[in-house]
């Protein structure tokens, strides 16, 4: 099996964490699987995976093959499943897209980038270490800063607020669109469209 792209949605496993801010990346890959009418299956790399074609190429042909992945490990050891899948598929870092929550962005904003630091995000730090590169692509989904003196670790492990939940479907949809556009048109074109103010 070969795949042109590996798209990883970060989060923690199990229903107790499913609605957490930390799991917004997994919400995005679930949306992409739904668009491709694909179901997730377990992979020996300790991840749930779904094989899809994303988007439509000019002329109507199906878009590139993409393996969607949601690690079954906790966030801070996400790198092990990602490295295993990258080896299995022979996918270079430049064709890995990681979708993750971002405290340093206002809620409902998106930023896309290639490479760079991890900004204190333990999931990204684990991936960089495991694959031996920081040159993978990131779709950073803004969840905002914690209110008052709340600890950031506690904040990301809480569900979105009632007000945020009203906007969450739009945010997940936009992040899924951003992944599709990176795959189909490249990072630069996607940045021009999806970088929002704030």
Protein backbone atom coordinates (compact mmCIF):
# COMPACT_ATOMS: atom_id res chain seq x y z
CA UNK A 1 0.00 0.00 0.00
CA UNK A 2 1.26 3.45 -0.88
CA UNK A 3 -0.20 6.86 -0.06
CA UNK A 4 0.76 10.22 -1.45
CA UNK A 5 0.10 11.97 1.87
CA UNK A 6 -0.19 11.15 5.56
CA UNK A 7 -2.62 13.41 7.47
CA UNK A 8 -2.50 13.04 11.24
CA UNK A 9 -5.10 14.42 13.64
CA UNK A 10 -3.70 14.80 17.14
CA UNK A 11 -5.64 14.05 20.31
CA UNK A 12 -5.99 11.60 23.17
CA UNK A 13 -7.68 8.20 22.76
CA UNK A 14 -11.03 7.21 24.19
CA UNK A 15 -14.49 8.75 24.58
CA UNK A 16 -13.58 10.69 27.75
CA UNK A 17 -11.31 12.94 25.67
CA UNK A 18 -13.27 13.07 22.42
CA UNK A 19 -14.75 16.56 22.89
CA UNK A 20 -11.65 18.18 24.41
CA UNK A 21 -9.93 21.16 22.83
CA UNK A 22 -6.81 18.96 22.62
CA UNK A 23 -8.71 16.62 20.28
CA UNK A 24 -9.69 19.11 17.59
CA UNK A 25 -7.13 17.53 15.23
CA UNK A 26 -8.92 14.20 15.45
CA UNK A 27 -12.23 15.97 14.80
CA UNK A 28 -10.75 17.30 11.55
CA UNK A 29 -9.52 13.92 10.27
CA UNK A 30 -12.93 12.45 11.17
CA UNK A 31 -14.53 15.11 8.96
CA UNK A 32 -12.14 14.27 6.11
CA UNK A 33 -12.97 10.57 6.44
CA UNK A 34 -16.68 11.39 6.33
CA UNK A 35 -16.17 13.40 3.13
CA UNK A 36 -14.41 10.41 1.59
CA UNK A 37 -17.04 7.94 2.84
CA UNK A 38 -14.21 6.10 4.59
CA UNK A 39 -14.16 4.27 7.90
CA UNK A 40 -11.26 4.01 10.33
CA UNK A 41 -9.60 0.67 11.03
CA UNK A 42 -6.87 -0.22 13.51
CA UNK A 43 -3.28 -0.29 12.27
CA UNK A 44 -0.36 -2.08 13.91
CA UNK A 45 1.43 1.29 14.23
CA UNK A 46 -1.05 2.02 17.06
CA UNK A 47 -3.32 4.32 15.12
CA UNK A 48 -6.75 4.30 13.56
CA UNK A 49 -6.40 4.88 9.82
CA UNK A 50 -8.66 5.57 6.84
CA UNK A 51 -7.59 5.58 3.19
CA UNK A 52 -9.26 8.30 1.08
CA UNK A 53 -8.95 10.34 -2.06
CA UNK A 54 -9.09 14.04 -1.19
CA UNK A 55 -10.79 16.49 -3.48
CA UNK A 56 -11.11 16.48 -7.25
CA UNK A 57 -8.37 17.33 -9.73
CA UNK A 58 -8.93 19.56 -12.80
CA UNK A 59 -10.82 17.49 -15.33
CA UNK A 60 -12.76 15.65 -12.64
CA UNK A 61 -10.26 12.94 -11.67
CA UNK A 62 -10.15 11.95 -7.99
CA UNK A 63 -7.60 13.80 -5.89
CA UNK A 64 -4.43 12.30 -4.40
CA UNK A 65 -4.45 9.27 -2.15
CA UNK A 66 -4.26 10.22 1.51
CA UNK A 67 -3.96 8.10 4.63
CA UNK A 68 -5.83 9.75 7.52
CA UNK A 69 -4.54 8.77 10.94
CA UNK A 70 -5.56 9.24 14.57
CA UNK A 71 -2.93 7.89 16.98
CA UNK A 72 -4.18 5.50 19.66
CA UNK A 73 -1.45 6.67 22.04
CA UNK A 74 -1.69 9.69 24.33
CA UNK A 75 -0.76 13.07 22.89
CA UNK A 76 2.73 13.27 24.39
CA UNK A 77 3.83 10.06 22.60
CA UNK A 78 2.10 10.73 19.27
CA UNK A 79 5.40 10.49 17.44
CA UNK A 80 5.71 6.73 17.68
CA UNK A 81 2.56 5.97 15.61
CA UNK A 82 3.36 8.77 13.14
CA UNK A 83 6.90 7.47 12.57
CA UNK A 84 5.59 3.94 12.15
CA UNK A 85 3.04 5.00 9.55
CA UNK A 86 5.56 7.19 7.71
CA UNK A 87 7.94 4.22 7.43
CA UNK A 88 5.14 1.86 6.41
CA UNK A 89 4.01 4.21 3.64
CA UNK A 90 7.48 5.54 2.75
CA UNK A 91 6.14 9.10 3.12
CA UNK A 92 8.74 11.88 3.60
CA UNK A 93 8.24 14.56 6.26
CA UNK A 94 7.26 17.08 3.58
CA UNK A 95 4.16 15.01 2.79
CA UNK A 96 2.99 14.65 6.38
CA UNK A 97 0.29 17.08 7.55
CA UNK A 98 -0.32 17.29 11.31
CA UNK A 99 -3.56 18.91 12.46
CA UNK A 100 -3.42 20.12 16.06
CA UNK A 101 -4.82 22.52 18.65
CA UNK A 102 -2.94 25.80 19.11
CA UNK A 103 -3.12 27.83 22.34
CA UNK A 104 -1.29 30.79 20.79
CA UNK A 105 -4.05 31.43 18.25
CA UNK A 106 -7.48 32.90 19.03
CA UNK A 107 -10.34 30.42 18.95
CA UNK A 108 -11.60 29.68 15.42
CA UNK A 109 -8.49 30.99 13.63
CA UNK A 110 -6.24 28.86 11.44
CA UNK A 111 -2.56 29.08 10.57
CA UNK A 112 -0.70 26.78 8.19
CA UNK A 113 3.04 26.31 8.13
CA UNK A 114 5.89 24.00 7.23
CA UNK A 115 8.60 23.22 9.76
CA UNK A 116 9.64 25.42 12.65
CA UNK A 117 9.43 24.91 16.39
CA UNK A 118 6.81 23.08 18.39
CA UNK A 119 5.73 26.02 20.57
CA UNK A 120 5.59 23.86 23.69
CA UNK A 121 3.16 21.40 22.10
CA UNK A 122 4.09 17.95 23.43
CA UNK A 123 2.47 16.12 20.52
CA UNK A 124 4.53 18.06 17.97
CA UNK A 125 7.70 17.63 20.02
CA UNK A 126 7.13 13.86 20.07
CA UNK A 127 6.58 13.76 16.29
CA UNK A 128 9.69 15.84 15.51
CA UNK A 129 11.80 13.55 17.68
CA UNK A 130 10.33 10.30 16.34
CA UNK A 131 10.58 11.12 12.62
CA UNK A 132 13.88 12.98 12.98
CA UNK A 133 12.59 16.10 11.22
CA UNK A 134 10.61 19.27 11.85
CA UNK A 135 9.88 19.75 8.16
CA UNK A 136 6.35 18.37 8.22
CA UNK A 137 3.32 20.57 7.54
CA UNK A 138 1.07 21.83 10.32
CA UNK A 139 -2.55 22.95 10.31
CA UNK A 140 -2.75 24.92 13.56
CA UNK A 141 -6.32 25.21 14.85
CA UNK A 142 -6.76 28.07 17.32
CA UNK A 143 -8.31 27.20 20.68
CA UNK A 144 -7.29 30.41 22.49
CA UNK A 145 -5.59 30.94 25.83
CA UNK A 146 -7.02 29.69 29.13
CA UNK A 147 -9.02 32.22 31.14
CA UNK A 148 -7.58 33.77 34.29
CA UNK A 149 -5.04 31.59 36.06
CA UNK A 150 -6.23 28.27 34.64
CA UNK A 151 -3.36 25.97 33.77
CA UNK A 152 -2.92 25.44 30.04
CA UNK A 153 -2.75 21.65 30.48
CA UNK A 154 -6.12 21.69 32.27
CA UNK A 155 -7.63 24.03 29.67
CA UNK A 156 -6.85 21.86 26.64
CA UNK A 157 -8.29 18.81 28.42
CA UNK A 158 -11.68 20.49 28.82
CA UNK A 159 -14.46 20.44 26.24
CA UNK A 160 -15.20 23.51 24.19
CA UNK A 161 -17.52 26.02 25.84
CA UNK A 162 -21.19 26.27 24.83
CA UNK A 163 -20.44 29.39 22.78
CA UNK A 164 -17.45 27.75 21.09
CA UNK A 165 -19.46 24.64 20.26
CA UNK A 166 -21.73 26.79 18.07
CA UNK A 167 -18.73 27.75 15.91
CA UNK A 168 -16.91 24.42 16.17
CA UNK A 169 -18.53 22.76 13.12
CA UNK A 170 -17.47 25.72 10.98
CA UNK A 171 -13.92 25.58 12.37
CA UNK A 172 -13.56 21.82 11.80
CA UNK A 173 -14.95 22.22 8.27
CA UNK A 174 -12.52 25.07 7.48
CA UNK A 175 -9.55 23.11 8.81
CA UNK A 176 -10.57 20.11 6.67
CA UNK A 177 -10.82 22.43 3.66
CA UNK A 178 -7.31 23.70 4.45
CA UNK A 179 -5.91 20.15 4.46
CA UNK A 180 -7.58 19.47 1.10
CA UNK A 181 -6.17 22.67 -0.39
CA UNK A 182 -2.63 21.91 0.80
CA UNK A 183 -2.83 18.49 -0.85
CA UNK A 184 -4.37 19.77 -4.09
CA UNK A 185 -2.78 23.20 -4.55
CA UNK A 186 0.16 23.46 -2.15
CA UNK A 187 0.90 25.23 1.10
CA UNK A 188 1.30 28.72 -0.38
CA UNK A 189 -2.13 28.76 -1.99
CA UNK A 190 -3.72 27.40 1.18
CA UNK A 191 -2.02 30.03 3.33
CA UNK A 192 -3.35 32.82 1.10
CA UNK A 193 -6.89 31.55 1.54
CA UNK A 194 -7.00 30.42 5.16
CA UNK A 195 -4.80 32.74 7.16
CA UNK A 196 -7.35 34.76 9.11
CA UNK A 197 -6.88 37.92 11.10
CA UNK A 198 -6.31 37.78 14.83
